[in-house]
Every structure is written in structure tokens, then in C-alpha cells.
């Protein structure tokens, strides 16, 4: 049970980030001004693209972390993950 605690907790974290409070429309209100401060020469469409790209990268990373946590949990229980093929 203990090896599965971390991936299940990470799933709860992902679930929490899936709420409307973390939608692009909500995060744009504070991320876009931050991006404008970091990239003062960028236009609004460029800043929106950076915001979009950052959100998509974060999405891929959070699920990559989840996959590695599940892999680690199964490996520690003595049941190594088998290839899908």
C-alpha cells in the first residue's frame, strides 16, 4: 500500500489542478502580466502563445511524473512493468 501512496497523492494533485480555478482564462489574469514583465518586447498574441505553450508543457510534465511514479510503485512491489507490445 505504501508504494502506491505517492502516485495516488499526485493524482489528487492533478485532480485539484483540473478545477475551473486553474483554467486558462483564470490563470491568464496573473500569468500574462508576469510574462509581459519577463518579455516586455512581446506582443499580446506572442504572450498568449507562451501562456498556451507553458500550460501544454506543464500538462505533459504532470502526466510524465505520474507515469514515473506508477512505474516506481510497481517496481518496488516486485511486479516490474511489462512492455505494452
N, C-alpha and C. Protein backbone atom coordinates (compact mmCIF):
# COMPACT_ATOMS: atom_id res chain seq x y z
N UNK A 1 0.82 -1.20 0.00
CA UNK A 1 0.00 0.00 0.00
C UNK A 1 0.86 1.26 0.00
N UNK A 2 1.95 1.24 0.74
CA UNK A 2 2.79 2.44 0.84
C UNK A 2 3.40 2.85 -0.49
N UNK A 3 3.86 1.91 -1.34
CA UNK A 3 4.44 2.36 -2.61
C UNK A 3 3.44 3.10 -3.51
N UNK A 4 2.15 2.84 -3.30
CA UNK A 4 1.13 3.46 -4.14
C UNK A 4 0.64 4.79 -3.60
N UNK A 5 1.10 5.17 -2.42
CA UNK A 5 0.64 6.40 -1.80
C UNK A 5 1.04 7.64 -2.61
N UNK A 6 2.28 7.69 -3.05
CA UNK A 6 2.77 8.87 -3.79
C UNK A 6 2.06 9.05 -5.13
N UNK A 7 1.92 8.00 -5.96
CA UNK A 7 1.18 8.24 -7.21
C UNK A 7 -0.29 8.59 -7.00
N UNK A 8 -0.91 8.02 -5.99
CA UNK A 8 -2.31 8.36 -5.71
C UNK A 8 -2.40 9.81 -5.23
N UNK A 9 -1.46 10.24 -4.40
CA UNK A 9 -1.44 11.64 -3.96
C UNK A 9 -1.22 12.57 -5.16
N UNK A 10 -0.34 12.18 -6.08
CA UNK A 10 -0.10 13.00 -7.27
C UNK A 10 -1.36 13.08 -8.13
N UNK A 11 -2.11 11.99 -8.19
CA UNK A 11 -3.38 12.00 -8.92
C UNK A 11 -4.35 13.00 -8.28
N UNK A 12 -4.34 13.07 -6.94
CA UNK A 12 -5.17 14.05 -6.25
C UNK A 12 -4.75 15.47 -6.59
N UNK A 13 -3.43 15.68 -6.70
CA UNK A 13 -2.91 16.99 -7.09
C UNK A 13 -3.38 17.36 -8.49
N UNK A 14 -3.29 16.41 -9.41
CA UNK A 14 -3.76 16.65 -10.79
C UNK A 14 -5.26 16.95 -10.78
N UNK A 15 -6.01 16.20 -9.99
CA UNK A 15 -7.45 16.44 -9.89
C UNK A 15 -7.72 17.86 -9.41
N UNK A 16 -6.96 18.30 -8.42
CA UNK A 16 -7.13 19.67 -7.92
C UNK A 16 -6.82 20.73 -8.96
N UNK A 17 -5.83 20.46 -9.80
CA UNK A 17 -5.48 21.41 -10.86
C UNK A 17 -6.47 21.37 -12.02
N UNK A 18 -7.33 20.37 -12.04
CA UNK A 18 -8.31 20.24 -13.12
C UNK A 18 -9.58 21.03 -12.86
N UNK A 19 -9.63 21.77 -11.78
CA UNK A 19 -10.82 22.55 -11.45
C UNK A 19 -10.87 23.81 -12.31
N UNK A 20 -12.04 24.43 -12.40
CA UNK A 20 -12.15 25.68 -13.18
C UNK A 20 -11.25 26.80 -12.67
N UNK A 21 -10.81 26.74 -11.43
CA UNK A 21 -9.92 27.78 -10.89
C UNK A 21 -8.59 27.85 -11.61
N UNK A 22 -8.18 26.75 -12.24
CA UNK A 22 -6.90 26.70 -12.94
C UNK A 22 -7.07 26.65 -14.45
N UNK A 23 -8.24 27.05 -14.96
CA UNK A 23 -8.46 27.12 -16.40
C UNK A 23 -7.61 28.25 -16.99
N UNK A 24 -7.38 28.18 -18.28
CA UNK A 24 -6.54 29.18 -18.95
C UNK A 24 -7.09 30.59 -18.76
N UNK A 25 -8.40 30.73 -18.76
CA UNK A 25 -9.00 32.05 -18.58
C UNK A 25 -8.70 32.61 -17.19
N UNK A 26 -8.61 31.74 -16.21
CA UNK A 26 -8.34 32.17 -14.84
C UNK A 26 -6.86 32.46 -14.61
N UNK A 27 -6.00 31.59 -15.10
CA UNK A 27 -4.56 31.78 -14.86
C UNK A 27 -3.98 32.89 -15.71
N UNK A 28 -4.62 33.19 -16.83
CA UNK A 28 -4.13 34.26 -17.69
C UNK A 28 -4.09 35.61 -17.01
N UNK A 29 -4.98 35.83 -16.05
CA UNK A 29 -5.03 37.10 -15.34
C UNK A 29 -3.77 37.43 -14.56
N UNK A 30 -3.05 36.42 -14.11
CA UNK A 30 -1.81 36.69 -13.37
C UNK A 30 -0.58 36.21 -14.12
N UNK A 31 -0.73 35.26 -15.04
CA UNK A 31 0.44 34.79 -15.79
C UNK A 31 0.80 35.76 -16.91
N UNK A 32 -0.18 36.29 -17.60
CA UNK A 32 0.12 37.22 -18.71
C UNK A 32 0.87 38.47 -18.24
N UNK A 33 0.49 39.11 -17.11
CA UNK A 33 1.31 40.24 -16.64
C UNK A 33 2.73 39.81 -16.26
N UNK A 34 2.87 38.62 -15.71
CA UNK A 34 4.20 38.11 -15.37
C UNK A 34 5.03 37.91 -16.64
N UNK A 35 4.40 37.32 -17.66
CA UNK A 35 5.10 37.14 -18.94
C UNK A 35 5.45 38.47 -19.58
N UNK A 36 4.55 39.45 -19.45
CA UNK A 36 4.82 40.79 -20.00
C UNK A 36 6.03 41.41 -19.32
N UNK A 37 6.18 41.17 -18.01
CA UNK A 37 7.35 41.69 -17.29
C UNK A 37 8.62 40.97 -17.72
N UNK A 38 8.51 39.68 -18.00
CA UNK A 38 9.68 38.91 -18.43
C UNK A 38 10.07 39.18 -19.88
N UNK A 39 9.06 39.42 -20.72
CA UNK A 39 9.28 39.65 -22.15
C UNK A 39 8.59 40.95 -22.57
N UNK A 40 9.15 42.10 -22.20
CA UNK A 40 8.46 43.37 -22.47
C UNK A 40 8.31 43.69 -23.96
N UNK A 41 9.10 43.09 -24.81
CA UNK A 41 9.04 43.35 -26.24
C UNK A 41 7.97 42.51 -26.94
N UNK A 42 7.41 41.51 -26.26
CA UNK A 42 6.46 40.59 -26.89
C UNK A 42 5.09 41.23 -27.04
N UNK A 43 4.44 40.88 -28.15
CA UNK A 43 3.08 41.35 -28.38
C UNK A 43 2.10 40.46 -27.61
N UNK A 44 0.85 40.89 -27.51
CA UNK A 44 -0.16 40.10 -26.79
C UNK A 44 -0.35 38.71 -27.41
N UNK A 45 -0.43 38.57 -28.74
CA UNK A 45 -0.55 37.21 -29.30
C UNK A 45 0.66 36.32 -28.96
N UNK A 46 1.85 36.92 -28.93
CA UNK A 46 3.03 36.14 -28.56
C UNK A 46 2.96 35.70 -27.09
N UNK A 47 2.53 36.60 -26.23
CA UNK A 47 2.39 36.26 -24.81
C UNK A 47 1.34 35.19 -24.60
N UNK A 48 0.24 35.28 -25.34
CA UNK A 48 -0.80 34.26 -25.24
C UNK A 48 -0.29 32.91 -25.72
N UNK A 49 0.56 32.92 -26.76
CA UNK A 49 1.14 31.67 -27.24
C UNK A 49 2.08 31.07 -26.19
N UNK A 50 2.89 31.91 -25.55
CA UNK A 50 3.79 31.43 -24.50
C UNK A 50 2.97 30.84 -23.34
N UNK A 51 1.89 31.51 -22.99
CA UNK A 51 0.99 31.01 -21.95
C UNK A 51 0.42 29.65 -22.35
N UNK A 52 -0.06 29.54 -23.57
CA UNK A 52 -0.61 28.27 -24.07
C UNK A 52 0.46 27.18 -24.06
N UNK A 53 1.63 27.50 -24.57
CA UNK A 53 2.72 26.51 -24.63
C UNK A 53 3.15 26.07 -23.23
N UNK A 54 3.22 27.00 -22.32
CA UNK A 54 3.57 26.67 -20.94
C UNK A 54 2.55 25.76 -20.29
N UNK A 55 1.27 26.02 -20.55
CA UNK A 55 0.22 25.16 -19.99
C UNK A 55 0.28 23.76 -20.59
N UNK A 56 0.51 23.65 -21.87
CA UNK A 56 0.60 22.33 -22.50
C UNK A 56 1.83 21.57 -22.03
N UNK A 57 2.94 22.27 -21.87
CA UNK A 57 4.16 21.64 -21.36
C UNK A 57 3.94 21.15 -19.93
N UNK A 58 3.31 21.96 -19.10
CA UNK A 58 3.02 21.56 -17.73
C UNK A 58 2.11 20.34 -17.70
N UNK A 59 1.15 20.29 -18.60
CA UNK A 59 0.23 19.16 -18.68
C UNK A 59 0.99 17.87 -19.01
N UNK A 60 1.86 17.93 -19.99
CA UNK A 60 2.66 16.75 -20.35
C UNK A 60 3.56 16.34 -19.20
N UNK A 61 4.18 17.32 -18.54
CA UNK A 61 5.09 17.02 -17.44
C UNK A 61 4.37 16.39 -16.25
N UNK A 62 3.18 16.88 -15.92
CA UNK A 62 2.48 16.31 -14.76
C UNK A 62 2.10 14.86 -15.01
N UNK A 63 1.74 14.52 -16.25
CA UNK A 63 1.42 13.13 -16.54
C UNK A 63 2.68 12.27 -16.71
N UNK A 64 3.78 12.86 -17.13
CA UNK A 64 5.05 12.12 -17.17
C UNK A 64 5.51 11.79 -15.75
N UNK A 65 5.34 12.73 -14.85
CA UNK A 65 5.68 12.46 -13.45
C UNK A 65 4.78 11.37 -12.90
N UNK A 66 3.49 11.43 -13.22
CA UNK A 66 2.57 10.39 -12.76
C UNK A 66 2.98 9.02 -13.28
N UNK A 67 3.34 8.95 -14.55
CA UNK A 67 3.77 7.66 -15.13
C UNK A 67 5.02 7.14 -14.43
N UNK A 68 5.97 8.02 -14.15
CA UNK A 68 7.18 7.57 -13.48
C UNK A 68 6.89 7.14 -12.03
N UNK A 69 5.97 7.81 -11.37
CA UNK A 69 5.60 7.40 -10.01
C UNK A 69 4.92 6.04 -9.99
N UNK A 70 4.04 5.79 -10.96
CA UNK A 70 3.40 4.47 -11.04
C UNK A 70 4.43 3.40 -11.40
N UNK A 71 5.33 3.71 -12.30
CA UNK A 71 6.37 2.74 -12.66
C UNK A 71 7.20 2.39 -11.43
N UNK A 72 7.58 3.39 -10.69
CA UNK A 72 8.37 3.18 -9.46
C UNK A 72 7.59 2.38 -8.43
N UNK A 73 6.30 2.67 -8.29
CA UNK A 73 5.47 1.96 -7.31
C UNK A 73 5.37 0.48 -7.66
N UNK A 74 5.13 0.16 -8.93
CA UNK A 74 5.02 -1.24 -9.32
C UNK A 74 6.37 -1.94 -9.25
N UNK A 75 7.43 -1.23 -9.55
CA UNK A 75 8.77 -1.83 -9.50
C UNK A 75 9.11 -2.21 -8.06
N UNK A 76 8.76 -1.37 -7.11
CA UNK A 76 9.08 -1.64 -5.70
C UNK A 76 8.23 -2.76 -5.12
N UNK A 77 7.11 -3.07 -5.72
CA UNK A 77 6.28 -4.16 -5.19
C UNK A 77 6.71 -5.50 -5.75
N UNK A 78 7.73 -5.51 -6.59
CA UNK A 78 8.21 -6.76 -7.16
C UNK A 78 7.52 -7.17 -8.43
N UNK A 79 6.65 -6.31 -8.93
CA UNK A 79 5.96 -6.58 -10.20
C UNK A 79 6.41 -5.54 -11.21
N UNK A 80 7.56 -5.79 -11.85
CA UNK A 80 8.03 -4.78 -12.81
C UNK A 80 7.03 -4.58 -13.95
N UNK A 81 6.98 -3.36 -14.42
CA UNK A 81 6.11 -3.05 -15.54
C UNK A 81 6.56 -3.80 -16.78
N UNK A 82 5.61 -4.36 -17.48
CA UNK A 82 5.93 -5.08 -18.71
C UNK A 82 5.68 -4.18 -19.92
N UNK A 83 6.41 -4.41 -21.00
CA UNK A 83 6.18 -3.61 -22.20
C UNK A 83 4.77 -3.85 -22.73
N UNK A 84 4.23 -2.85 -23.40
CA UNK A 84 2.88 -2.95 -23.94
C UNK A 84 2.79 -3.88 -25.14
N UNK A 85 3.89 -4.10 -25.84
CA UNK A 85 3.87 -4.91 -27.06
C UNK A 85 3.76 -6.38 -26.78
